[in-house]
Every structure is written in structure tokens, then in C-alpha cells.
Amino acid sequence: MSKSQRLISFSLVMTIFLLGYLFYRSWLSTQQLIDVIEPPPCWNQLCPEQSTREDAISFLLSLPEIENKNIHDTSNAGENLTRWWFTHKLEGGSGTIIYDQTDTISYITIDFPQRNSSSLEFIFEEFGEPEQIFAVLGCADSQWIQVWLLYPQRGFGVEIFEPNIGKTNIVKLSLEQDIAGIVYYPEYNYEDVLLSSDGIFSYQKIDEIQDFVMPWLGIEREVVYLNTCK
């Protein structure tokens, strides 16, 4: 075999190896998502307005992908929640369970690590397209956009977050965009979730938010958003 033939053979082997590795990474990411994203209205055994704090702590302690030291339970006037960090599946991700005054679960959020290969396409394949969309444009060092895709009849929502959209005022979604988080909430009670999201809407009235909860018209449509930069 000539030197050029050996180089071609080596390149072919490396290409096959690389494609196999990329396929494996994609398959692994999908398997991790299947394990983390459960069909609504419940996340695994935990259901908003049904399961209790005791149910939540017991279940989290049973999960091998969460170390006990990474589960933090807080109950005081300022916070009433359980928060944890994933260590095996979805490493770098976290979750939060918010309780009401009776220690019953109000809603559950799962936050994904940045650049996590969990695309919007996966959500659409698993759950179909959303019924509604709610988006907020915000400002810090740069303009950012937070988009909630809502399934109110199922008590489920998906968050897309772009930390830097430049100076353009035109926002569109694509199936390749990463998922920032998911939320499980009681049917049609997304207002509490939106108002509690990191305090972003703490100065907005609920009727202002409702004015920007829009019907879903498709992935290619321009996103109508609540502009908090004004």
C-alpha cells in the first residue's frame, strides 16, 4: 500500500470514528433528556397541587443522579422551596420545587446547563407544539430574551433564553435552539410561575403579562414580546 493510500485509509477511519462519536453524544444526550423530562402534568412521582414536601424530599433522596449533599430544603418567610443540583445525568443542571403554605407542591422547575444539546426539536417531537407563547425582552450589559412556550392544558412549559440578541428588535425561534428549562405547574396557573421567575416580572401587573401571552402561530413567526427595557 502506497503512502497516499495509507493516508486516505487513516482519514477514512478517523472520519468514521468521529461520526460514531458524535452520534453517540447525540444519543446519550437524548437518553438523559428522556430520563429528566417526564410527560406532564407530573415530574416523575411529583405532581403540583397533589404531592407534598415530604413526598419530594423522599423521592429526591432516592435518585442516584442527585447526591444527598446537593439537596437543600428551605422553609422561611422569604423562601419555601427545595433546590438540588444534578451530578450524573444532566450534570450542571438543577431543579427547584416551590411549595404553598400547606407544604403542597405549587410548581417544579428543571434548569438545564448552558449549551446542553437539548433542543426545541426534541420537545416538539415528544410533546407537540405549544398552545401559547410568552416572551420578555430585558436589558443588562446587553439585550436578552426569555421565551416561555406554554402547554396550559397539560400544566407544562418550556423556557428558551438567549443572553445576547444584539440590538435587533426582531426575535425568531428555531428548532435548533437550546432549552434553558422546563416547568411543571397546575393546569392554567402559569401566571404564578411567570411572576415568580427570578423576580424578572416583579414590577409587572398580571394584566400586563396576560396581554403578552399570545397564541402559538408556528416556529417561523416573529416573536411578540413584553419590552422591559423601556
Protein backbone atom coordinates (compact mmCIF):
# COMPACT_ATOMS: atom_id res chain seq x y z
CA MET A 1 0.00 0.00 0.00
CA SER A 2 1.38 3.38 -1.00
CA LYS A 3 1.81 6.27 1.43
CA SER A 4 -1.09 8.18 -0.13
CA GLN A 5 -3.38 5.15 0.18
CA ARG A 6 -2.43 4.76 3.85
CA LEU A 7 -3.25 8.43 4.46
CA ILE A 8 -6.62 8.05 2.74
CA SER A 9 -7.40 4.92 4.78
CA PHE A 10 -6.37 6.66 8.01
CA SER A 11 -8.53 9.68 7.18
CA LEU A 12 -11.49 7.43 6.41
CA VAL A 13 -11.11 5.56 9.70
CA MET A 14 -10.86 8.82 11.66
CA THR A 15 -13.95 10.22 9.90
CA ILE A 16 -15.97 7.10 10.75
CA PHE A 17 -14.74 7.28 14.34
CA LEU A 18 -15.69 10.97 14.62
CA LEU A 19 -19.16 10.40 13.16
CA GLY A 20 -19.68 7.49 15.53
CA TYR A 21 -18.62 9.61 18.50
CA LEU A 22 -20.95 12.47 17.51
CA PHE A 23 -23.82 10.03 17.06
CA TYR A 24 -23.13 8.55 20.50
CA ARG A 25 -23.06 12.01 22.11
CA SER A 26 -26.38 12.85 20.47
CA TRP A 27 -27.91 9.53 21.58
CA LEU A 28 -26.56 9.96 25.13
CA SER A 29 -27.97 13.48 25.37
CA THR A 30 -31.38 12.21 24.21
CA GLN A 31 -31.33 9.39 26.76
CA GLN A 32 -30.51 11.87 29.53
CA LEU A 33 -33.37 14.12 28.47
CA ILE A 34 -35.83 11.22 28.37
CA ASP A 35 -34.86 10.43 31.96
CA VAL A 36 -35.21 14.05 33.11
CA ILE A 37 -38.16 15.36 31.07
CA GLU A 38 -41.18 13.36 32.15
CA PRO A 39 -44.59 13.67 30.48
CA PRO A 40 -46.73 16.30 32.27
CA PRO A 41 -48.57 17.04 34.47
CA CYS A 42 -46.18 15.32 36.91
CA TRP A 43 -42.40 15.19 37.09
CA ASN A 44 -41.73 11.55 37.87
CA GLN A 45 -43.79 10.85 41.01
CA LEU A 46 -44.22 14.51 42.00
CA CYS A 47 -47.39 16.33 40.98
CA PRO A 48 -48.24 20.02 41.55
CA GLU A 49 -51.21 20.55 43.92
CA GLN A 50 -51.03 16.89 44.99
CA SER A 51 -47.57 15.87 46.25
CA THR A 52 -46.14 17.24 49.48
CA ARG A 53 -42.73 18.39 50.71
CA GLU A 54 -42.29 15.02 52.40
CA ASP A 55 -43.00 13.26 49.08
CA ALA A 56 -40.48 15.49 47.31
CA ILE A 57 -37.61 15.02 49.78
CA SER A 58 -38.16 11.26 49.90
CA PHE A 59 -38.14 11.00 46.11
CA LEU A 60 -35.08 13.20 45.59
CA LEU A 61 -33.11 11.19 48.15
CA SER A 62 -33.87 8.04 46.16
CA LEU A 63 -32.42 9.33 42.87
CA PRO A 64 -28.88 8.09 42.11
CA GLU A 65 -28.18 11.12 39.88
CA ILE A 66 -28.57 13.51 42.83
CA GLU A 67 -26.17 13.38 45.78
CA ASN A 68 -27.76 13.99 49.17
CA LYS A 69 -25.37 16.87 49.89
CA ASN A 70 -26.72 18.67 46.81
CA ILE A 71 -30.30 18.79 48.11
CA HIS A 72 -31.14 21.96 50.05
CA ASP A 73 -34.52 22.47 51.71
CA THR A 74 -35.56 25.95 52.86
CA SER A 75 -38.72 26.94 54.70
CA ASN A 76 -38.99 30.51 55.99
CA ALA A 77 -40.86 33.74 55.33
CA GLY A 78 -38.70 34.52 52.29
CA GLU A 79 -38.40 31.10 50.66
CA ASN A 80 -40.39 27.89 50.81
CA LEU A 81 -38.64 25.51 48.44
CA THR A 82 -36.36 22.56 47.83
CA ARG A 83 -33.44 23.03 45.44
CA TRP A 84 -30.96 20.48 44.10
CA TRP A 85 -28.13 20.04 41.59
CA PHE A 86 -27.68 17.08 39.27
CA THR A 87 -24.29 15.35 39.44
CA HIS A 88 -24.56 12.49 36.95
CA LYS A 89 -27.31 12.88 34.38
CA LEU A 90 -27.66 16.47 33.23
CA GLU A 91 -24.53 17.47 35.15
CA GLY A 92 -24.52 21.20 35.76
CA GLY A 93 -28.31 21.32 35.75
CA SER A 94 -30.52 21.97 38.75
CA GLY A 95 -34.09 21.79 39.94
CA THR A 96 -36.40 23.68 42.27
CA ILE A 97 -39.68 22.73 43.89
CA ILE A 98 -41.85 25.58 45.21
CA TYR A 99 -44.43 24.87 47.94
CA ASP A 100 -47.56 26.66 49.08
CA GLN A 101 -48.42 27.45 52.71
CA THR A 102 -49.53 23.87 53.34
CA ASP A 103 -46.24 22.41 52.01
CA THR A 104 -48.00 21.10 48.91
CA ILE A 105 -46.05 21.45 45.65
CA SER A 106 -47.04 24.57 43.68
CA TYR A 107 -44.72 24.00 40.73
CA ILE A 108 -41.46 22.32 39.72
CA THR A 109 -38.68 23.76 37.55
CA ILE A 110 -35.73 21.99 35.94
CA ASP A 111 -32.87 24.23 34.73
CA PHE A 112 -30.52 22.90 32.07
CA PRO A 113 -26.80 23.63 31.80
CA GLN A 114 -25.77 26.05 29.06
CA ARG A 115 -25.04 24.54 25.65
CA ASN A 116 -26.67 21.27 26.65
CA SER A 117 -27.70 19.84 23.26
CA SER A 118 -31.31 19.70 24.48
CA SER A 119 -33.03 21.32 21.54
CA LEU A 120 -36.52 22.61 20.98
CA GLU A 121 -36.87 19.98 18.26
CA PHE A 122 -36.76 17.26 20.94
CA ILE A 123 -39.61 18.92 22.85
CA PHE A 124 -41.78 19.22 19.75
CA GLU A 125 -41.16 15.58 18.87
CA GLU A 126 -42.08 14.43 22.38
CA PHE A 127 -44.96 16.77 23.27
CA GLY A 128 -46.04 18.51 20.10
CA GLU A 129 -46.13 22.26 19.55
CA PRO A 130 -47.26 24.59 22.38
CA GLU A 131 -50.61 26.31 22.68
CA GLN A 132 -49.24 29.69 23.76
CA ILE A 133 -46.06 31.74 23.84
CA PHE A 134 -44.94 34.43 26.26
CA ALA A 135 -41.71 36.40 25.76
CA VAL A 136 -39.86 39.14 27.64
CA LEU A 137 -37.10 41.40 26.34
CA GLY A 138 -34.76 42.59 29.07
CA CYS A 139 -31.59 44.65 29.39
CA ALA A 140 -28.40 44.32 31.42
CA ASP A 141 -24.99 44.67 29.78
CA SER A 142 -26.77 43.57 26.63
CA GLN A 143 -30.28 42.81 25.46
CA TRP A 144 -31.58 39.33 26.32
CA ILE A 145 -34.77 37.48 25.52
CA GLN A 146 -36.61 34.95 27.65
CA VAL A 147 -39.35 32.94 25.93
CA TRP A 148 -41.87 30.62 27.57
CA LEU A 149 -43.64 28.06 25.39
CA LEU A 150 -46.79 27.09 27.30
CA TYR A 151 -48.94 23.97 27.30
CA PRO A 152 -51.63 25.22 29.75
CA GLN A 153 -53.99 22.25 29.31
CA ARG A 154 -51.15 19.91 30.32
CA GLY A 155 -49.50 22.06 33.00
CA PHE A 156 -46.15 22.22 31.23
CA GLY A 157 -43.84 24.95 29.96
CA VAL A 158 -40.51 25.20 28.16
CA GLU A 159 -38.08 28.10 28.54
CA ILE A 160 -35.76 29.42 25.85
CA PHE A 161 -33.20 32.01 26.93
CA GLU A 162 -30.85 33.96 24.67
CA PRO A 163 -28.42 36.07 26.76
CA ASN A 164 -27.36 38.35 23.92
CA ILE A 165 -29.59 39.13 20.96
CA GLY A 166 -27.70 42.25 19.89
CA LYS A 167 -29.55 45.44 19.07
CA THR A 168 -32.12 43.89 16.77
CA ASN A 169 -35.75 44.09 17.77
CA ILE A 170 -36.69 41.05 15.68
CA VAL A 171 -36.78 37.72 17.51
CA LYS A 172 -37.48 34.34 15.93
CA LEU A 173 -37.18 30.81 17.28
CA SER A 174 -35.59 27.79 15.63
CA LEU A 175 -35.78 24.07 16.31
CA GLU A 176 -32.02 24.03 17.00
CA GLN A 177 -32.22 26.40 19.98
CA ASP A 178 -31.20 25.01 23.35
CA ILE A 179 -33.73 24.54 26.13
CA ALA A 180 -32.95 26.65 29.20
CA GLY A 181 -35.51 24.99 31.45
CA ILE A 182 -38.86 23.30 31.87
CA VAL A 183 -41.63 23.80 34.39
CA TYR A 184 -44.50 21.67 35.69
CA TYR A 185 -47.40 23.65 37.12
CA PRO A 186 -51.13 23.22 37.83
CA GLU A 187 -53.26 23.49 34.70
CA TYR A 188 -53.79 27.09 33.57
CA ASN A 189 -51.88 28.51 36.55
CA TYR A 190 -48.86 29.74 34.60
CA GLU A 191 -49.30 33.27 35.98
CA ASP A 192 -47.73 32.27 39.31
CA VAL A 193 -44.79 30.69 37.51
CA LEU A 194 -44.16 33.71 35.31
CA LEU A 195 -44.45 36.16 38.18
CA SER A 196 -42.04 34.09 40.29
CA SER A 197 -39.38 33.63 37.63
CA ASP A 198 -36.24 35.15 39.20
CA GLY A 199 -38.14 38.33 40.05
CA ILE A 200 -37.99 39.47 36.42
CA PHE A 201 -41.65 40.43 36.39
CA SER A 202 -41.94 41.65 39.95
CA TYR A 203 -42.81 45.16 38.74
CA GLN A 204 -45.32 44.00 36.15
CA LYS A 205 -49.03 43.69 36.82
CA ILE A 206 -50.67 40.40 35.93
CA ASP A 207 -52.91 42.05 33.32
CA GLU A 208 -49.79 43.43 31.59
CA ILE A 209 -48.35 39.92 31.43
CA GLN A 210 -51.61 38.43 30.17
CA ASP A 211 -51.66 40.95 27.32
CA PHE A 212 -48.46 39.33 26.02
CA VAL A 213 -49.44 35.68 26.41
CA MET A 214 -50.03 35.03 22.72
CA PRO A 215 -51.44 32.06 20.80
CA TRP A 216 -48.76 29.90 19.16
CA LEU A 217 -48.69 30.52 15.41
CA GLY A 218 -45.67 28.47 14.38
CA ILE A 219 -41.90 28.32 14.63
CA GLU A 220 -41.22 30.72 11.77
CA ARG A 221 -43.28 33.62 13.16
CA GLU A 222 -41.68 36.71 14.66
CA VAL A 223 -41.95 36.65 18.46
CA VAL A 224 -44.10 39.35 20.12
CA TYR A 225 -42.53 40.24 23.47
CA LEU A 226 -43.03 42.36 26.57
CA ASN A 227 -40.30 45.02 26.41
CA THR A 228 -38.99 45.77 29.92
CA CYS A 229 -36.12 47.89 28.60
CA LYS A 230 -38.30 50.95 28.15
